[in-house]
Amino acid sequence: MRTGLTKKQKTTVIYFDEHSRIIEVQTHNTDLKKRLAAFAAKYPQCCRQTDDDEQGGLTFEIEKGRLSFRLTAPYSEERRRAASERAQTNGINGKVKKSGQSLR
């Protein structure tokens, strides 16, 4: 969707405070909009779309406890090396590369 907004203007903002039981999410991120819309359709008692800014942004209200953040630690050099070796052995997505054959 062409919105006339730059990538820098296409933000995701999450509002919540310690008092309210509702989290408000405003986003232009296509994947997040799809995930929130699907969640709202499946669980309307927990999540609902409240606004469409008509520039590609949607706003949702979600019950606290339904949204989580996952922080991932960086891979150690040892873990990175092991993952690389597994990928070389097993190919991408577990597809074994045969001698002289490309995975594409």
C-alpha atoms as a PDB file:
ATOM      1  CA  MET A   1       0.000   0.000   0.000  1.00  0.00           C
ATOM      2  CA  ARG A   2       1.389   3.381  -0.982  1.00  0.00           C
ATOM      3  CA  THR A   3       0.789   5.810   1.838  1.00  0.00           C
ATOM      4  CA  GLY A   4       3.070   8.715   1.070  1.00  0.00           C
ATOM      5  CA  LEU A   5       4.861   8.039   4.340  1.00  0.00           C
ATOM      6  CA  THR A   6       8.585   7.345   4.557  1.00  0.00           C
ATOM      7  CA  LYS A   7       9.818   4.192   6.252  1.00  0.00           C
ATOM      8  CA  LYS A   8      10.934   6.338   9.178  1.00  0.00           C
ATOM      9  CA  GLN A   9       7.376   7.649   9.552  1.00  0.00           C
ATOM     10  CA  LYS A  10       5.893   4.136   9.540  1.00  0.00           C
ATOM     11  CA  THR A  11       6.197   3.469  13.241  1.00  0.00           C
ATOM     12  CA  THR A  12       4.942   1.010  15.806  1.00  0.00           C
ATOM     13  CA  VAL A  13       4.013   2.520  19.149  1.00  0.00           C
ATOM     14  CA  ILE A  14       2.962   0.514  22.200  1.00  0.00           C
ATOM     15  CA  TYR A  15       1.248   2.381  25.033  1.00  0.00           C
ATOM     16  CA  PHE A  16       0.583   0.943  28.442  1.00  0.00           C
ATOM     17  CA  ASP A  17       0.749   2.036  32.036  1.00  0.00           C
ATOM     18  CA  GLU A  18       0.711   0.260  35.359  1.00  0.00           C
ATOM     19  CA  HIS A  19      -2.901   1.231  36.112  1.00  0.00           C
ATOM     20  CA  SER A  20      -4.828   0.255  32.985  1.00  0.00           C
ATOM     21  CA  ARG A  21      -5.521  -3.345  32.017  1.00  0.00           C
ATOM     22  CA  ILE A  22      -5.379  -2.414  28.316  1.00  0.00           C
ATOM     23  CA  ILE A  23      -2.381  -2.050  25.997  1.00  0.00           C
ATOM     24  CA  GLU A  24      -2.759   0.102  22.892  1.00  0.00           C
ATOM     25  CA  VAL A  25      -0.690  -0.768  19.807  1.00  0.00           C
ATOM     26  CA  GLN A  26      -0.488   1.596  16.832  1.00  0.00           C
ATOM     27  CA  THR A  27       1.441   0.108  13.915  1.00  0.00           C
ATOM     28  CA  HIS A  28       2.223   0.370  10.227  1.00  0.00           C
ATOM     29  CA  ASN A  29       4.102  -2.963  10.246  1.00  0.00           C
ATOM     30  CA  THR A  30       2.308  -5.270   7.815  1.00  0.00           C
ATOM     31  CA  ASP A  31       3.184  -8.520   9.586  1.00  0.00           C
ATOM     32  CA  LEU A  32       2.182  -7.174  12.995  1.00  0.00           C
ATOM     33  CA  LYS A  33      -1.095  -5.772  11.619  1.00  0.00           C
ATOM     34  CA  LYS A  34      -1.947  -9.177  10.139  1.00  0.00           C
ATOM     35  CA  ARG A  35      -1.081 -10.980  13.364  1.00  0.00           C
ATOM     36  CA  LEU A  36      -3.093  -8.559  15.505  1.00  0.00           C
ATOM     37  CA  ALA A  37      -6.077  -8.672  13.139  1.00  0.00           C
ATOM     38  CA  ALA A  38      -6.070 -12.487  13.172  1.00  0.00           C
ATOM     39  CA  PHE A  39      -5.783 -12.500  16.972  1.00  0.00           C
ATOM     40  CA  ALA A  40      -8.649  -9.981  17.251  1.00  0.00           C
ATOM     41  CA  ALA A  41     -10.830 -12.106  14.956  1.00  0.00           C
ATOM     42  CA  LYS A  42     -10.120 -15.245  16.963  1.00  0.00           C
ATOM     43  CA  TYR A  43     -10.260 -13.659  20.444  1.00  0.00           C
ATOM     44  CA  PRO A  44     -12.529 -10.578  20.269  1.00  0.00           C
ATOM     45  CA  GLN A  45     -12.922 -10.583  24.058  1.00  0.00           C
ATOM     46  CA  CYS A  46      -9.144  -9.965  24.417  1.00  0.00           C
ATOM     47  CA  CYS A  47      -8.256  -7.793  21.428  1.00  0.00           C
ATOM     48  CA  ARG A  48     -10.001  -5.405  19.069  1.00  0.00           C
ATOM     49  CA  GLN A  49      -9.097  -2.983  16.314  1.00  0.00           C
ATOM     50  CA  THR A  50     -10.017   0.545  17.367  1.00  0.00           C
ATOM     51  CA  ASP A  51      -8.745   2.746  14.536  1.00  0.00           C
ATOM     52  CA  ASP A  52      -7.534   2.833  10.939  1.00  0.00           C
ATOM     53  CA  ASP A  53      -5.626   6.032  10.125  1.00  0.00           C
ATOM     54  CA  GLU A  54      -6.184   5.476   6.367  1.00  0.00           C
ATOM     55  CA  GLN A  55      -2.428   5.864   5.796  1.00  0.00           C
ATOM     56  CA  GLY A  56      -1.651   2.216   6.437  1.00  0.00           C
ATOM     57  CA  GLY A  57      -1.668   2.385  10.237  1.00  0.00           C
ATOM     58  CA  LEU A  58      -3.980   0.399  12.487  1.00  0.00           C
ATOM     59  CA  THR A  59      -4.604   0.705  16.216  1.00  0.00           C
ATOM     60  CA  PHE A  60      -5.536  -2.205  18.458  1.00  0.00           C
ATOM     61  CA  GLU A  61      -6.447  -2.558  22.126  1.00  0.00           C
ATOM     62  CA  ILE A  62      -5.221  -5.726  23.806  1.00  0.00           C
ATOM     63  CA  GLU A  63      -5.668  -7.027  27.328  1.00  0.00           C
ATOM     64  CA  LYS A  64      -2.501  -6.869  29.388  1.00  0.00           C
ATOM     65  CA  GLY A  65      -0.952 -10.293  29.624  1.00  0.00           C
ATOM     66  CA  ARG A  66      -1.767 -11.094  25.977  1.00  0.00           C
ATOM     67  CA  LEU A  67       1.216  -9.243  24.520  1.00  0.00           C
ATOM     68  CA  SER A  68       4.778 -10.210  25.329  1.00  0.00           C
ATOM     69  CA  PHE A  69       8.267  -9.101  24.415  1.00  0.00           C
ATOM     70  CA  ARG A  70      10.993 -11.616  23.789  1.00  0.00           C
ATOM     71  CA  LEU A  71      14.587 -10.557  24.252  1.00  0.00           C
ATOM     72  CA  THR A  72      17.130 -12.833  22.627  1.00  0.00           C
ATOM     73  CA  ALA A  73      20.748 -12.904  23.652  1.00  0.00           C
ATOM     74  CA  PRO A  74      23.339 -12.806  20.874  1.00  0.00           C
ATOM     75  CA  TYR A  75      24.751 -16.156  19.770  1.00  0.00           C
ATOM     76  CA  SER A  76      28.126 -17.090  21.174  1.00  0.00           C
ATOM     77  CA  GLU A  77      30.855 -17.758  18.623  1.00  0.00           C
ATOM     78  CA  GLU A  78      30.642 -21.466  19.523  1.00  0.00           C
ATOM     79  CA  ARG A  79      26.875 -21.593  18.924  1.00  0.00           C
ATOM     80  CA  ARG A  80      27.233 -19.634  15.659  1.00  0.00           C
ATOM     81  CA  ARG A  81      29.915 -22.061  14.435  1.00  0.00           C
ATOM     82  CA  ALA A  82      27.797 -25.117  15.383  1.00  0.00           C
ATOM     83  CA  ALA A  83      24.759 -23.678  13.554  1.00  0.00           C
ATOM     84  CA  SER A  84      26.890 -22.995  10.486  1.00  0.00           C
ATOM     85  CA  GLU A  85      28.214 -26.572  10.493  1.00  0.00           C
ATOM     86  CA  ARG A  86      24.662 -27.973  10.829  1.00  0.00           C
ATOM     87  CA  ALA A  87      23.491 -25.794   7.934  1.00  0.00           C
ATOM     88  CA  GLN A  88      26.384 -26.928   5.742  1.00  0.00           C
ATOM     89  CA  THR A  89      25.719 -30.573   6.582  1.00  0.00           C
ATOM     90  CA  ASN A  90      21.919 -30.503   6.346  1.00  0.00           C
ATOM     91  CA  GLY A  91      21.373 -27.707   3.869  1.00  0.00           C
ATOM     92  CA  ILE A  92      18.786 -24.983   4.207  1.00  0.00           C
ATOM     93  CA  ASN A  93      15.569 -26.033   5.965  1.00  0.00           C
ATOM     94  CA  GLY A  94      16.892 -29.566   6.359  1.00  0.00           C
ATOM     95  CA  LYS A  95      17.268 -30.148   2.597  1.00  0.00           C
ATOM     96  CA  VAL A  96      20.424 -32.175   2.159  1.00  0.00           C
ATOM     97  CA  LYS A  97      22.670 -30.856  -0.579  1.00  0.00           C
ATOM     98  CA  LYS A  98      23.830 -33.612  -2.919  1.00  0.00           C
ATOM     99  CA  SER A  99      27.285 -33.515  -4.369  1.00  0.00           C
ATOM    100  CA  GLY A 100      27.512 -31.020  -7.233  1.00  0.00           C
ATOM    101  CA  GLN A 101      23.892 -29.894  -6.790  1.00  0.00           C
ATOM    102  CA  SER A 102      22.653 -26.433  -5.925  1.00  0.00           C
ATOM    103  CA  LEU A 103      19.928 -25.949  -3.319  1.00  0.00           C
ATOM    104  CA  ARG A 104      18.041 -23.494  -5.542  1.00  0.00           C
END
